[in-house]
Amino acid sequence: MRISRLASPFCAALLCVVTAGGLGCHAQTAPPSTPAISQDQINHRIEVIIRSRFDLPPSVDVHLGTKTKSELLGYQLLPVTLTQGSQSEEFKFLVSDDNKTLARFDKYDLTVDPKTTISTVGRPVRGAADAPVTIVSFDDLECPYCSQMHSQLFPDTLNRYAGKVKFVYKDFPLEEIHPWALHAAVDANCLAAQDGVAYWSFVDYVHAHGAEIAPDQKADTAFASLDKIATDEGAKQKVNPDTLKACLAKQDTTGVEASIAQGRALNIGATPTLFINGEKLGGALPKDQLWKVIDRELTVEGITPPPPPPPAATTPAPAAPAPAATTPPAK
């Protein structure tokens, strides 16, 4: 369960509310009279509604904060914090002044270009540095779906849009289900600190050989394998071996944790999650869908997209054999 599932879209273009009549988008009608209830009862109803609406398991703690004045007349702003283990995330709800309506909606800043909302400073870039389209992928090196997406980006997408698209990977290891993903991300960043080519070679290899990293399913085996792969890649690109060795031994997760925090702020709950010039796409999409978005972005930039690839050649089915001749029976 990812806490950020709470970002599920509400009814389009309407303020969706939870009232005594249930959840949904309703025409405004005169509210029925209800008996007075205590604030504790109101808070309990709010928690039950949030848990039920967003399918929160019992392991998630729901904490209601202190209400403050909101920008919407007749409503107060209520911060709600969801916590599961060491993970915590806050969401904003609205409660009507009469305590009869709970609502939530999102506000977006149209003065900000979506392309600039994700920081890629210091990350290795693959493709033309001045390309008009940027694909940022929040990646988990142990995730099989990420490996599937990676194989569609490289080399096919990179080759098809040569000079027009650049790629940047951000770390989003799902430690709960992928025990060596964090270690892999740290090792990749140790290489990135010295050489971008070494970083991408490491990422390519791990995504292509994930099943071989720890065939015995033991974390220690995986860590040793990842460190050896990183060391070998570093030697190929002639990075400073002592610096790399010290980085691999230290396993500083600071950079990875910052990337994870940025992903959570973007409501990422699964990998892979891609942003194409700021447009969010989830899952290992087929190439034709991925390319459709890239083509649209190129068109917006005034660039003619590459022609569609020719259809795959098909081998015609063999002709059916002629029926065997029959001899009429003797009379």
C-alpha atoms as a PDB file:
ATOM      1  CA  MET A   1       0.000   0.000   0.000  1.00  0.00           C
ATOM      2  CA  ARG A   2       1.344   3.402  -0.917  1.00  0.00           C
ATOM      3  CA  ILE A   3      -0.023   6.266   1.126  1.00  0.00           C
ATOM      4  CA  SER A   4      -0.070   8.505  -1.948  1.00  0.00           C
ATOM      5  CA  ARG A   5      -3.038   6.603  -3.354  1.00  0.00           C
ATOM      6  CA  LEU A   6      -4.998   9.367  -1.580  1.00  0.00           C
ATOM      7  CA  ALA A   7      -4.224  11.527  -4.587  1.00  0.00           C
ATOM      8  CA  SER A   8      -6.865   9.665  -6.632  1.00  0.00           C
ATOM      9  CA  PRO A   9      -8.785  12.105  -8.848  1.00  0.00           C
ATOM     10  CA  PHE A  10     -12.168  13.363  -7.727  1.00  0.00           C
ATOM     11  CA  CYS A  11     -15.105  14.020 -10.052  1.00  0.00           C
ATOM     12  CA  ALA A  12     -13.842  16.157 -12.902  1.00  0.00           C
ATOM     13  CA  ALA A  13     -14.306  19.918 -12.692  1.00  0.00           C
ATOM     14  CA  LEU A  14     -16.547  19.683  -9.595  1.00  0.00           C
ATOM     15  CA  LEU A  15     -16.025  20.012  -5.885  1.00  0.00           C
ATOM     16  CA  CYS A  16     -16.817  16.546  -4.567  1.00  0.00           C
ATOM     17  CA  VAL A  17     -18.108  16.422  -1.055  1.00  0.00           C
ATOM     18  CA  VAL A  18     -18.823  13.919   1.648  1.00  0.00           C
ATOM     19  CA  THR A  19     -22.083  14.637   3.419  1.00  0.00           C
ATOM     20  CA  ALA A  20     -24.650  12.743   5.415  1.00  0.00           C
ATOM     21  CA  GLY A  21     -25.942  11.426   2.092  1.00  0.00           C
ATOM     22  CA  GLY A  22     -22.644   9.826   1.131  1.00  0.00           C
ATOM     23  CA  LEU A  23     -19.733  10.513  -1.206  1.00  0.00           C
ATOM     24  CA  GLY A  24     -20.297  12.036  -4.600  1.00  0.00           C
ATOM     25  CA  CYS A  25     -20.973  15.131  -6.660  1.00  0.00           C
ATOM     26  CA  HIS A  26     -24.395  16.385  -5.711  1.00  0.00           C
ATOM     27  CA  ALA A  27     -26.586  19.311  -6.622  1.00  0.00           C
ATOM     28  CA  GLN A  28     -26.902  21.681  -3.699  1.00  0.00           C
ATOM     29  CA  THR A  29     -30.092  21.135  -1.734  1.00  0.00           C
ATOM     30  CA  ALA A  30     -31.331  22.296   1.618  1.00  0.00           C
ATOM     31  CA  PRO A  31     -29.607  20.133   4.224  1.00  0.00           C
ATOM     32  CA  PRO A  32     -31.874  18.074   6.471  1.00  0.00           C
ATOM     33  CA  SER A  33     -31.917  18.899  10.131  1.00  0.00           C
ATOM     34  CA  THR A  34     -29.596  16.695  12.199  1.00  0.00           C
ATOM     35  CA  PRO A  35     -29.131  16.319  15.930  1.00  0.00           C
ATOM     36  CA  ALA A  36     -26.136  18.075  17.464  1.00  0.00           C
ATOM     37  CA  ILE A  37     -23.052  15.910  17.795  1.00  0.00           C
ATOM     38  CA  SER A  38     -19.740  16.470  19.565  1.00  0.00           C
ATOM     39  CA  GLN A  39     -16.459  17.439  17.922  1.00  0.00           C
ATOM     40  CA  ASP A  40     -15.028  14.040  18.844  1.00  0.00           C
ATOM     41  CA  GLN A  41     -17.872  12.393  16.942  1.00  0.00           C
ATOM     42  CA  ILE A  42     -17.260  14.676  13.956  1.00  0.00           C
ATOM     43  CA  ASN A  43     -13.546  13.786  14.002  1.00  0.00           C
ATOM     44  CA  HIS A  44     -14.360  10.079  14.148  1.00  0.00           C
ATOM     45  CA  ARG A  45     -16.683  10.396  11.156  1.00  0.00           C
ATOM     46  CA  ILE A  46     -13.974  12.216   9.215  1.00  0.00           C
ATOM     47  CA  GLU A  47     -11.450   9.454   9.967  1.00  0.00           C
ATOM     48  CA  VAL A  48     -13.880   6.676   9.028  1.00  0.00           C
ATOM     49  CA  ILE A  49     -14.794   8.422   5.765  1.00  0.00           C
ATOM     50  CA  ILE A  50     -11.121   8.914   4.813  1.00  0.00           C
ATOM     51  CA  ARG A  51     -10.233   5.314   5.680  1.00  0.00           C
ATOM     52  CA  SER A  52     -13.200   3.922   3.752  1.00  0.00           C
ATOM     53  CA  ARG A  53     -12.920   6.197   0.721  1.00  0.00           C
ATOM     54  CA  PHE A  54      -9.239   5.517   0.169  1.00  0.00           C
ATOM     55  CA  ASP A  55      -9.080   1.883   1.327  1.00  0.00           C
ATOM     56  CA  LEU A  56      -6.534   2.553   4.048  1.00  0.00           C
ATOM     57  CA  PRO A  57      -5.433  -0.573   5.930  1.00  0.00           C
ATOM     58  CA  PRO A  58      -5.515  -0.616   9.747  1.00  0.00           C
ATOM     59  CA  SER A  59      -1.719  -0.232   9.810  1.00  0.00           C
ATOM     60  CA  VAL A  60      -2.074   3.366   8.611  1.00  0.00           C
ATOM     61  CA  ASP A  61      -2.548   5.912  11.399  1.00  0.00           C
ATOM     62  CA  VAL A  62      -4.792   8.907  10.642  1.00  0.00           C
ATOM     63  CA  HIS A  63      -4.107  12.125  12.546  1.00  0.00           C
ATOM     64  CA  LEU A  64      -6.338  15.182  12.200  1.00  0.00           C
ATOM     65  CA  GLY A  65      -4.500  18.459  12.674  1.00  0.00           C
ATOM     66  CA  THR A  66      -5.710  21.880  13.763  1.00  0.00           C
ATOM     67  CA  LYS A  67      -8.164  23.628  11.458  1.00  0.00           C
ATOM     68  CA  THR A  68      -7.155  27.000  10.030  1.00  0.00           C
ATOM     69  CA  LYS A  69      -8.785  29.602   7.819  1.00  0.00           C
ATOM     70  CA  SER A  70      -9.045  28.590   4.164  1.00  0.00           C
ATOM     71  CA  GLU A  71      -9.362  30.535   0.928  1.00  0.00           C
ATOM     72  CA  LEU A  72     -12.858  29.127   0.370  1.00  0.00           C
ATOM     73  CA  LEU A  73     -15.654  31.013   2.087  1.00  0.00           C
ATOM     74  CA  GLY A  74     -17.532  28.867   4.577  1.00  0.00           C
ATOM     75  CA  TYR A  75     -14.796  26.234   4.926  1.00  0.00           C
ATOM     76  CA  GLN A  76     -11.803  25.717   7.190  1.00  0.00           C
ATOM     77  CA  LEU A  77      -8.593  23.961   6.164  1.00  0.00           C
ATOM     78  CA  LEU A  78      -7.963  20.636   7.930  1.00  0.00           C
ATOM     79  CA  PRO A  79      -4.522  18.979   7.626  1.00  0.00           C
ATOM     80  CA  VAL A  80      -4.707  15.176   7.777  1.00  0.00           C
ATOM     81  CA  THR A  81      -1.481  13.204   8.296  1.00  0.00           C
ATOM     82  CA  LEU A  82      -1.278   9.551   7.282  1.00  0.00           C
ATOM     83  CA  THR A  83       1.513   7.503   8.833  1.00  0.00           C
ATOM     84  CA  GLN A  84       2.636   3.951   8.151  1.00  0.00           C
ATOM     85  CA  GLY A  85       5.829   2.852   9.853  1.00  0.00           C
ATOM     86  CA  SER A  86       8.479   5.449   9.107  1.00  0.00           C
ATOM     87  CA  GLN A  87       6.531   6.978   6.207  1.00  0.00           C
ATOM     88  CA  SER A  88       4.327   9.982   6.746  1.00  0.00           C
ATOM     89  CA  GLU A  89       2.421  12.230   4.370  1.00  0.00           C
ATOM     90  CA  GLU A  90       0.081  15.178   4.877  1.00  0.00           C
ATOM     91  CA  PHE A  91      -3.041  15.984   2.859  1.00  0.00           C
ATOM     92  CA  LYS A  92      -5.333  18.996   2.979  1.00  0.00           C
ATOM     93  CA  PHE A  93      -9.089  18.694   3.435  1.00  0.00           C
ATOM     94  CA  LEU A  94     -11.836  21.264   3.877  1.00  0.00           C
ATOM     95  CA  VAL A  95     -14.474  21.172   6.617  1.00  0.00           C
ATOM     96  CA  SER A  96     -17.508  23.430   6.410  1.00  0.00           C
ATOM     97  CA  ASP A  97     -18.038  25.894   9.234  1.00  0.00           C
ATOM     98  CA  ASP A  98     -21.195  24.031  10.268  1.00  0.00           C
ATOM     99  CA  ASN A  99     -19.298  20.697  10.450  1.00  0.00           C
ATOM    100  CA  LYS A 100     -21.658  19.110   7.929  1.00  0.00           C
ATOM    101  CA  THR A 101     -19.410  18.766   4.899  1.00  0.00           C
ATOM    102  CA  LEU A 102     -15.929  17.357   4.267  1.00  0.00           C
ATOM    103  CA  ALA A 103     -14.327  18.229   0.931  1.00  0.00           C
ATOM    104  CA  ARG A 104     -11.043  18.014  -0.896  1.00  0.00           C
ATOM    105  CA  PHE A 105      -9.842  19.604  -4.101  1.00  0.00           C
ATOM    106  CA  ASP A 106      -6.513  20.455  -5.693  1.00  0.00           C
ATOM    107  CA  LYS A 107      -5.249  23.869  -6.727  1.00  0.00           C
ATOM    108  CA  TYR A 108      -2.660  24.229  -9.483  1.00  0.00           C
ATOM    109  CA  ASP A 109      -0.315  27.101 -10.260  1.00  0.00           C
ATOM    110  CA  LEU A 110      -0.600  27.925 -13.965  1.00  0.00           C
ATOM    111  CA  THR A 111       2.308  30.363 -13.774  1.00  0.00           C
ATOM    112  CA  VAL A 112       4.747  27.448 -13.406  1.00  0.00           C
ATOM    113  CA  ASP A 113       5.850  25.473 -16.474  1.00  0.00           C
ATOM    114  CA  PRO A 114       5.348  21.748 -15.670  1.00  0.00           C
ATOM    115  CA  LYS A 115       8.688  21.039 -17.339  1.00  0.00           C
ATOM    116  CA  THR A 116      10.492  22.876 -14.542  1.00  0.00           C
ATOM    117  CA  THR A 117       8.803  21.258 -11.550  1.00  0.00           C
ATOM    118  CA  ILE A 118      11.272  18.360 -11.194  1.00  0.00           C
ATOM    119  CA  SER A 119      14.833  19.129 -10.237  1.00  0.00           C
ATOM    120  CA  THR A 120      17.379  17.194 -12.286  1.00  0.00           C
ATOM    121  CA  VAL A 121      20.444  19.094 -11.102  1.00  0.00           C
ATOM    122  CA  GLY A 122      23.463  16.829 -10.857  1.00  0.00           C
ATOM    123  CA  ARG A 123      21.781  13.842 -12.500  1.00  0.00           C
ATOM    124  CA  PRO A 124      23.421  12.077 -15.473  1.00  0.00           C
ATOM    125  CA  VAL A 125      21.745  12.927 -18.770  1.00  0.00           C
ATOM    126  CA  ARG A 126      21.366  10.541 -21.689  1.00  0.00           C
ATOM    127  CA  GLY A 127      20.666  12.093 -25.077  1.00  0.00           C
ATOM    128  CA  ALA A 128      21.162  15.619 -26.380  1.00  0.00           C
ATOM    129  CA  ALA A 129      21.626  18.090 -23.519  1.00  0.00           C
ATOM    130  CA  ASP A 130      19.619  20.738 -25.401  1.00  0.00           C
ATOM    131  CA  ALA A 131      16.811  18.393 -26.517  1.00  0.00           C
ATOM    132  CA  PRO A 132      13.333  20.003 -26.473  1.00  0.00           C
ATOM    133  CA  VAL A 133      11.757  17.014 -24.706  1.00  0.00           C
ATOM    134  CA  THR A 134      12.925  15.783 -21.317  1.00  0.00           C
ATOM    135  CA  ILE A 135      11.864  12.401 -19.937  1.00  0.00           C
ATOM    136  CA  VAL A 136      12.364  12.040 -16.194  1.00  0.00           C
ATOM    137  CA  SER A 137      11.845   8.515 -14.893  1.00  0.00           C
ATOM    138  CA  PHE A 138      11.475   7.652 -11.210  1.00  0.00           C
ATOM    139  CA  ASP A 139      13.133   4.266 -11.258  1.00  0.00           C
ATOM    140  CA  ASP A 140      13.623   1.233  -9.031  1.00  0.00           C
ATOM    141  CA  LEU A 141      16.547  -0.923 -10.155  1.00  0.00           C
ATOM    142  CA  GLU A 142      14.975  -4.097  -8.722  1.00  0.00           C
ATOM    143  CA  CYS A 143      11.540  -3.465 -10.249  1.00  0.00           C
ATOM    144  CA  PRO A 144      10.740  -5.816 -13.188  1.00  0.00           C
ATOM    145  CA  TYR A 145       8.311  -3.296 -14.676  1.00  0.00           C
ATOM    146  CA  CYS A 146      11.042  -0.659 -14.559  1.00  0.00           C
ATOM    147  CA  SER A 147      13.292  -3.051 -16.459  1.00  0.00           C
ATOM    148  CA  GLN A 148      10.558  -3.513 -19.044  1.00  0.00           C
ATOM    149  CA  MET A 149      10.180   0.249 -19.418  1.00  0.00           C
ATOM    150  CA  HIS A 150      13.950   0.710 -19.561  1.00  0.00           C
ATOM    151  CA  SER A 151      14.188  -1.749 -22.457  1.00  0.00           C
ATOM    152  CA  GLN A 152      11.641   0.320 -24.384  1.00  0.00           C
ATOM    153  CA  LEU A 153      13.478   3.570 -23.772  1.00  0.00           C
ATOM    154  CA  PHE A 154      16.892   2.192 -24.708  1.00  0.00           C
ATOM    155  CA  PRO A 155      17.720   1.852 -27.456  1.00  0.00           C
ATOM    156  CA  ASP A 156      14.452   2.173 -29.436  1.00  0.00           C
ATOM    157  CA  THR A 157      13.129   5.485 -28.085  1.00  0.00           C
ATOM    158  CA  LEU A 158      16.600   7.009 -27.810  1.00  0.00           C
ATOM    159  CA  ASN A 159      17.384   6.073 -31.427  1.00  0.00           C
ATOM    160  CA  ARG A 160      14.006   7.146 -32.813  1.00  0.00           C
ATOM    161  CA  TYR A 161      14.226  10.612 -31.261  1.00  0.00           C
ATOM    162  CA  ALA A 162      17.975  11.166 -31.528  1.00  0.00           C
ATOM    163  CA  GLY A 163      18.738  14.799 -30.738  1.00  0.00           C
ATOM    164  CA  LYS A 164      15.141  15.522 -29.743  1.00  0.00           C
ATOM    165  CA  VAL A 165      14.811  13.745 -26.377  1.00  0.00           C
ATOM    166  CA  LYS A 166      16.980  13.526 -23.274  1.00  0.00           C
ATOM    167  CA  PHE A 167      16.545  11.131 -20.361  1.00  0.00           C
ATOM    168  CA  VAL A 168      17.134  11.608 -16.650  1.00  0.00           C
ATOM    169  CA  TYR A 169      16.588   8.929 -13.993  1.00  0.00           C
ATOM    170  CA  LYS A 170      15.580   9.701 -10.413  1.00  0.00           C
ATOM    171  CA  ASP A 171      15.731   7.174  -7.569  1.00  0.00           C
ATOM    172  CA  PHE A 172      12.552   5.728  -6.084  1.00  0.00           C
ATOM    173  CA  PRO A 173      13.463   2.314  -4.602  1.00  0.00           C
ATOM    174  CA  LEU A 174      10.518   0.478  -3.062  1.00  0.00           C
ATOM    175  CA  GLU A 175      12.320  -1.025  -0.081  1.00  0.00           C
ATOM    176  CA  GLU A 176       9.228  -2.752   1.283  1.00  0.00           C
ATOM    177  CA  ILE A 177       9.162  -5.183  -1.643  1.00  0.00           C
ATOM    178  CA  HIS A 178      12.620  -4.810  -3.217  1.00  0.00           C
ATOM    179  CA  PRO A 179      15.303  -5.436  -0.574  1.00  0.00           C
ATOM    180  CA  TRP A 180      18.349  -4.558  -2.684  1.00  0.00           C
ATOM    181  CA  ALA A 181      16.912  -1.626  -4.663  1.00  0.00           C
ATOM    182  CA  LEU A 182      18.244   1.030  -2.265  1.00  0.00           C
ATOM    183  CA  HIS A 183      21.760  -0.430  -2.321  1.00  0.00           C
ATOM    184  CA  ALA A 184      21.644  -0.502  -6.128  1.00  0.00           C
ATOM    185  CA  ALA A 185      20.584   3.154  -6.259  1.00  0.00           C
ATOM    186  CA  VAL A 186      23.455   4.172  -3.970  1.00  0.00           C
ATOM    187  CA  ASP A 187      25.977   2.216  -6.066  1.00  0.00           C
ATOM    188  CA  ALA A 188      24.648   3.857  -9.226  1.00  0.00           C
ATOM    189  CA  ASN A 189      25.044   7.281  -7.652  1.00  0.00           C
ATOM    190  CA  CYS A 190      28.620   6.481  -6.623  1.00  0.00           C
ATOM    191  CA  LEU A 191      29.369   5.994 -10.307  1.00  0.00           C
ATOM    192  CA  ALA A 192      27.322   9.048 -11.333  1.00  0.00           C
ATOM    193  CA  ALA A 193      29.430  11.230  -9.061  1.00  0.00           C
ATOM    194  CA  GLN A 194      32.435  10.497 -11.271  1.00  0.00           C
ATOM    195  CA  ASP A 195      31.204   9.519 -14.718  1.00  0.00           C
ATOM    196  CA  GLY A 196      27.814   9.605 -16.436  1.00  0.00           C
ATOM    197  CA  VAL A 197      28.688   6.855 -18.889  1.00  0.00           C
ATOM    198  CA  ALA A 198      29.613   4.523 -16.026  1.00  0.00           C
ATOM    199  CA  TYR A 199      26.280   5.327 -14.367  1.00  0.00           C
ATOM    200  CA  TRP A 200      24.217   4.491 -17.445  1.00  0.00           C
ATOM    201  CA  SER A 201      26.218   1.325 -18.109  1.00  0.00           C
ATOM    202  CA  PHE A 202      25.526   0.167 -14.557  1.00  0.00           C
ATOM    203  CA  VAL A 203      21.799   0.944 -14.884  1.00  0.00           C
ATOM    204  CA  ASP A 204      21.625  -0.865 -18.241  1.00  0.00           C
ATOM    205  CA  TYR A 205      23.313  -3.950 -16.830  1.00  0.00           C
ATOM    206  CA  VAL A 206      21.259  -4.180 -13.629  1.00  0.00           C
ATOM    207  CA  HIS A 207      17.982  -3.732 -15.471  1.00  0.00           C
ATOM    208  CA  ALA A 208      18.956  -6.416 -17.979  1.00  0.00           C
ATOM    209  CA  HIS A 209      20.286  -8.908 -15.399  1.00  0.00           C
ATOM    210  CA  GLY A 210      18.142  -8.295 -12.329  1.00  0.00           C
ATOM    211  CA  ALA A 211      17.321 -11.970 -11.880  1.00  0.00           C
ATOM    212  CA  GLU A 212      21.024 -12.792 -11.649  1.00  0.00           C
ATOM    213  CA  ILE A 213      21.851 -10.285  -8.890  1.00  0.00           C
ATOM    214  CA  ALA A 214      20.835 -12.581  -6.032  1.00  0.00           C
ATOM    215  CA  PRO A 215      19.781 -16.023  -7.262  1.00  0.00           C
ATOM    216  CA  ASP A 216      19.739 -17.274  -3.649  1.00  0.00           C
ATOM    217  CA  GLN A 217      17.381 -14.406  -2.655  1.00  0.00           C
ATOM    218  CA  LYS A 218      19.818 -13.240   0.057  1.00  0.00           C
ATOM    219  CA  ALA A 219      20.509  -9.539   0.609  1.00  0.00           C
ATOM    220  CA  ASP A 220      24.222 -10.042   1.281  1.00  0.00           C
ATOM    221  CA  THR A 221      24.603 -11.823  -2.052  1.00  0.00           C
ATOM    222  CA  ALA A 222      22.819  -8.997  -3.834  1.00  0.00           C
ATOM    223  CA  PHE A 223      24.926  -6.308  -2.162  1.00  0.00           C
ATOM    224  CA  ALA A 224      28.173  -8.064  -3.076  1.00  0.00           C
ATOM    225  CA  SER A 225      27.017  -8.568  -6.671  1.00  0.00           C
ATOM    226  CA  LEU A 226      26.005  -4.930  -7.048  1.00  0.00           C
ATOM    227  CA  ASP A 227      29.301  -3.670  -5.627  1.00  0.00           C
ATOM    228  CA  LYS A 228      31.242  -5.896  -8.039  1.00  0.00           C
ATOM    229  CA  ILE A 229      29.181  -4.733 -11.018  1.00  0.00           C
ATOM    230  CA  ALA A 230      29.761  -1.104 -10.007  1.00  0.00           C
ATOM    231  CA  THR A 231      33.486  -1.711  -9.525  1.00  0.00           C
ATOM    232  CA  ASP A 232      33.771  -3.394 -12.930  1.00  0.00           C
ATOM    233  CA  GLU A 233      31.877  -0.584 -14.663  1.00  0.00           C
ATOM    234  CA  GLY A 234      34.038   1.983 -12.915  1.00  0.00           C
ATOM    235  CA  ALA A 235      37.195   0.233 -14.122  1.00  0.00           C
ATOM    236  CA  LYS A 236      35.912   0.251 -17.710  1.00  0.00           C
ATOM    237  CA  GLN A 237      35.418   4.008 -17.585  1.00  0.00           C
ATOM    238  CA  LYS A 238      38.639   4.564 -15.615  1.00  0.00           C
ATOM    239  CA  VAL A 239      37.021   6.346 -12.666  1.00  0.00           C
ATOM    240  CA  ASN A 240      39.091   6.862  -9.507  1.00  0.00           C
ATOM    241  CA  PRO A 241      39.022   3.381  -7.909  1.00  0.00           C
ATOM    242  CA  ASP A 242      39.748   4.546  -4.361  1.00  0.00           C
ATOM    243  CA  THR A 243      37.009   7.156  -4.435  1.00  0.00           C
ATOM    244  CA  LEU A 244      34.551   4.616  -5.819  1.00  0.00           C
ATOM    245  CA  LYS A 245      35.538   1.977  -3.259  1.00  0.00           C
ATOM    246  CA  ALA A 246      35.050   4.427  -0.384  1.00  0.00           C
ATOM    247  CA  CYS A 247      31.662   5.506  -1.728  1.00  0.00           C
ATOM    248  CA  LEU A 248      30.443   1.930  -2.135  1.00  0.00           C
ATOM    249  CA  ALA A 249      31.557   1.081   1.406  1.00  0.00           C
ATOM    250  CA  LYS A 250      29.932   4.163   2.950  1.00  0.00           C
ATOM    251  CA  GLN A 251      26.502   3.552   1.387  1.00  0.00           C
ATOM    252  CA  ASP A 252      25.346   7.131   1.976  1.00  0.00           C
ATOM    253  CA  THR A 253      21.602   7.198   1.228  1.00  0.00           C
ATOM    254  CA  THR A 254      21.176  10.983   1.509  1.00  0.00           C
ATOM    255  CA  GLY A 255      20.803  11.599  -2.218  1.00  0.00           C
ATOM    256  CA  VAL A 256      18.426   8.674  -2.690  1.00  0.00           C
ATOM    257  CA  GLU A 257      16.261   9.793   0.223  1.00  0.00           C
ATOM    258  CA  ALA A 258      16.010  13.295  -1.270  1.00  0.00           C
ATOM    259  CA  SER A 259      14.860  11.794  -4.563  1.00  0.00           C
ATOM    260  CA  ILE A 260      12.268   9.650  -2.771  1.00  0.00           C
ATOM    261  CA  ALA A 261      10.956  12.723  -0.945  1.00  0.00           C
ATOM    262  CA  GLN A 262      10.612  14.562  -4.234  1.00  0.00           C
ATOM    263  CA  GLY A 263       8.743  11.609  -5.708  1.00  0.00           C
ATOM    264  CA  ARG A 264       6.316  11.513  -2.799  1.00  0.00           C
ATOM    265  CA  ALA A 265       5.708  15.239  -3.170  1.00  0.00           C
ATOM    266  CA  LEU A 266       4.724  14.467  -6.772  1.00  0.00           C
ATOM    267  CA  ASN A 267       2.243  11.816  -5.549  1.00  0.00           C
ATOM    268  CA  ILE A 268       4.272   8.921  -6.935  1.00  0.00           C
ATOM    269  CA  GLY A 269       3.126   5.619  -5.499  1.00  0.00           C
ATOM    270  CA  ALA A 270       4.579   3.070  -7.922  1.00  0.00           C
ATOM    271  CA  THR A 271       7.403   2.550 -10.366  1.00  0.00           C
ATOM    272  CA  PRO A 272       8.116   3.244 -13.089  1.00  0.00           C
ATOM    273  CA  THR A 273       6.638   6.737 -13.176  1.00  0.00           C
ATOM    274  CA  LEU A 274       7.681   8.965 -16.066  1.00  0.00           C
ATOM    275  CA  PHE A 275       7.338  12.693 -16.621  1.00  0.00           C
ATOM    276  CA  ILE A 276       7.531  13.801 -20.253  1.00  0.00           C
ATOM    277  CA  ASN A 277       8.025  17.569 -20.225  1.00  0.00           C
ATOM    278  CA  GLY A 278       6.144  17.488 -16.931  1.00  0.00           C
ATOM    279  CA  GLU A 279       3.280  15.198 -17.991  1.00  0.00           C
ATOM    280  CA  LYS A 280       2.990  12.288 -15.576  1.00  0.00           C
ATOM    281  CA  LEU A 281       2.725   8.740 -16.939  1.00  0.00           C
ATOM    282  CA  GLY A 282       2.549   5.672 -14.732  1.00  0.00           C
ATOM    283  CA  GLY A 283       3.533   2.097 -15.493  1.00  0.00           C
ATOM    284  CA  ALA A 284       5.479   0.331 -18.208  1.00  0.00           C
ATOM    285  CA  LEU A 285       3.663   1.834 -21.171  1.00  0.00           C
ATOM    286  CA  PRO A 286       3.833   0.323 -24.659  1.00  0.00           C
ATOM    287  CA  LYS A 287       6.100   2.215 -27.019  1.00  0.00           C
ATOM    288  CA  ASP A 288       3.278   3.481 -29.212  1.00  0.00           C
ATOM    289  CA  GLN A 289       1.650   5.224 -26.240  1.00  0.00           C
ATOM    290  CA  LEU A 290       4.960   6.635 -25.046  1.00  0.00           C
ATOM    291  CA  TRP A 291       5.827   7.911 -28.505  1.00  0.00           C
ATOM    292  CA  LYS A 292       2.408   9.522 -28.879  1.00  0.00           C
ATOM    293  CA  VAL A 293       3.151  11.778 -25.921  1.00  0.00           C
ATOM    294  CA  ILE A 294       6.644  12.613 -27.207  1.00  0.00           C
ATOM    295  CA  ASP A 295       5.234  13.440 -30.655  1.00  0.00           C
ATOM    296  CA  ARG A 296       2.674  15.756 -29.061  1.00  0.00           C
ATOM    297  CA  GLU A 297       5.367  17.584 -27.113  1.00  0.00           C
ATOM    298  CA  LEU A 298       7.549  17.962 -30.198  1.00  0.00           C
ATOM    299  CA  THR A 299       4.596  19.401 -32.122  1.00  0.00           C
ATOM    300  CA  VAL A 300       3.991  21.943 -29.362  1.00  0.00           C
ATOM    301  CA  GLU A 301       7.636  22.950 -29.695  1.00  0.00           C
ATOM    302  CA  GLY A 302       7.156  23.451 -33.447  1.00  0.00           C
ATOM    303  CA  ILE A 303       9.147  20.350 -34.384  1.00  0.00           C
ATOM    304  CA  THR A 304       7.861  17.728 -36.814  1.00  0.00           C
ATOM    305  CA  PRO A 305       7.951  14.303 -35.153  1.00  0.00           C
ATOM    306  CA  PRO A 306       9.699  11.430 -36.954  1.00  0.00           C
ATOM    307  CA  PRO A 307       7.469   9.492 -39.349  1.00  0.00           C
ATOM    308  CA  PRO A 308       5.786   6.451 -37.835  1.00  0.00           C
ATOM    309  CA  PRO A 309       7.833   3.268 -38.108  1.00  0.00           C
ATOM    310  CA  PRO A 310       6.861   0.951 -40.954  1.00  0.00           C
ATOM    311  CA  PRO A 311       4.528  -1.857 -40.000  1.00  0.00           C
ATOM    312  CA  ALA A 312       6.233  -5.105 -39.136  1.00  0.00           C
ATOM    313  CA  ALA A 313       6.549  -7.416 -42.098  1.00  0.00           C
ATOM    314  CA  THR A 314       4.261 -10.387 -41.972  1.00  0.00           C
ATOM    315  CA  THR A 315       4.735 -13.723 -43.677  1.00  0.00           C
ATOM    316  CA  PRO A 316       1.683 -14.694 -45.707  1.00  0.00           C
ATOM    317  CA  ALA A 317       0.000 -17.853 -44.591  1.00  0.00           C
ATOM    318  CA  PRO A 318       0.603 -20.826 -46.889  1.00  0.00           C
ATOM    319  CA  ALA A 319      -2.177 -21.589 -49.312  1.00  0.00           C
ATOM    320  CA  ALA A 320      -4.497 -24.376 -48.307  1.00  0.00           C
ATOM    321  CA  PRO A 321      -3.780 -27.615 -50.215  1.00  0.00           C
ATOM    322  CA  ALA A 322      -6.167 -28.508 -53.029  1.00  0.00           C
ATOM    323  CA  PRO A 323      -8.662 -31.209 -52.113  1.00  0.00           C
ATOM    324  CA  ALA A 324      -7.598 -34.672 -53.108  1.00  0.00           C
ATOM    325  CA  ALA A 325      -9.113 -35.946 -56.363  1.00  0.00           C
ATOM    326  CA  THR A 326     -11.751 -38.591 -55.949  1.00  0.00           C
ATOM    327  CA  THR A 327     -12.556 -41.472 -58.328  1.00  0.00           C
ATOM    328  CA  PRO A 328     -16.226 -41.960 -59.020  1.00  0.00           C
ATOM    329  CA  PRO A 329     -17.449 -45.391 -57.948  1.00  0.00           C
ATOM    330  CA  ALA A 330     -17.646 -48.077 -60.661  1.00  0.00           C
ATOM    331  CA  LYS A 331     -21.083 -48.826 -62.017  1.00  0.00           C
END
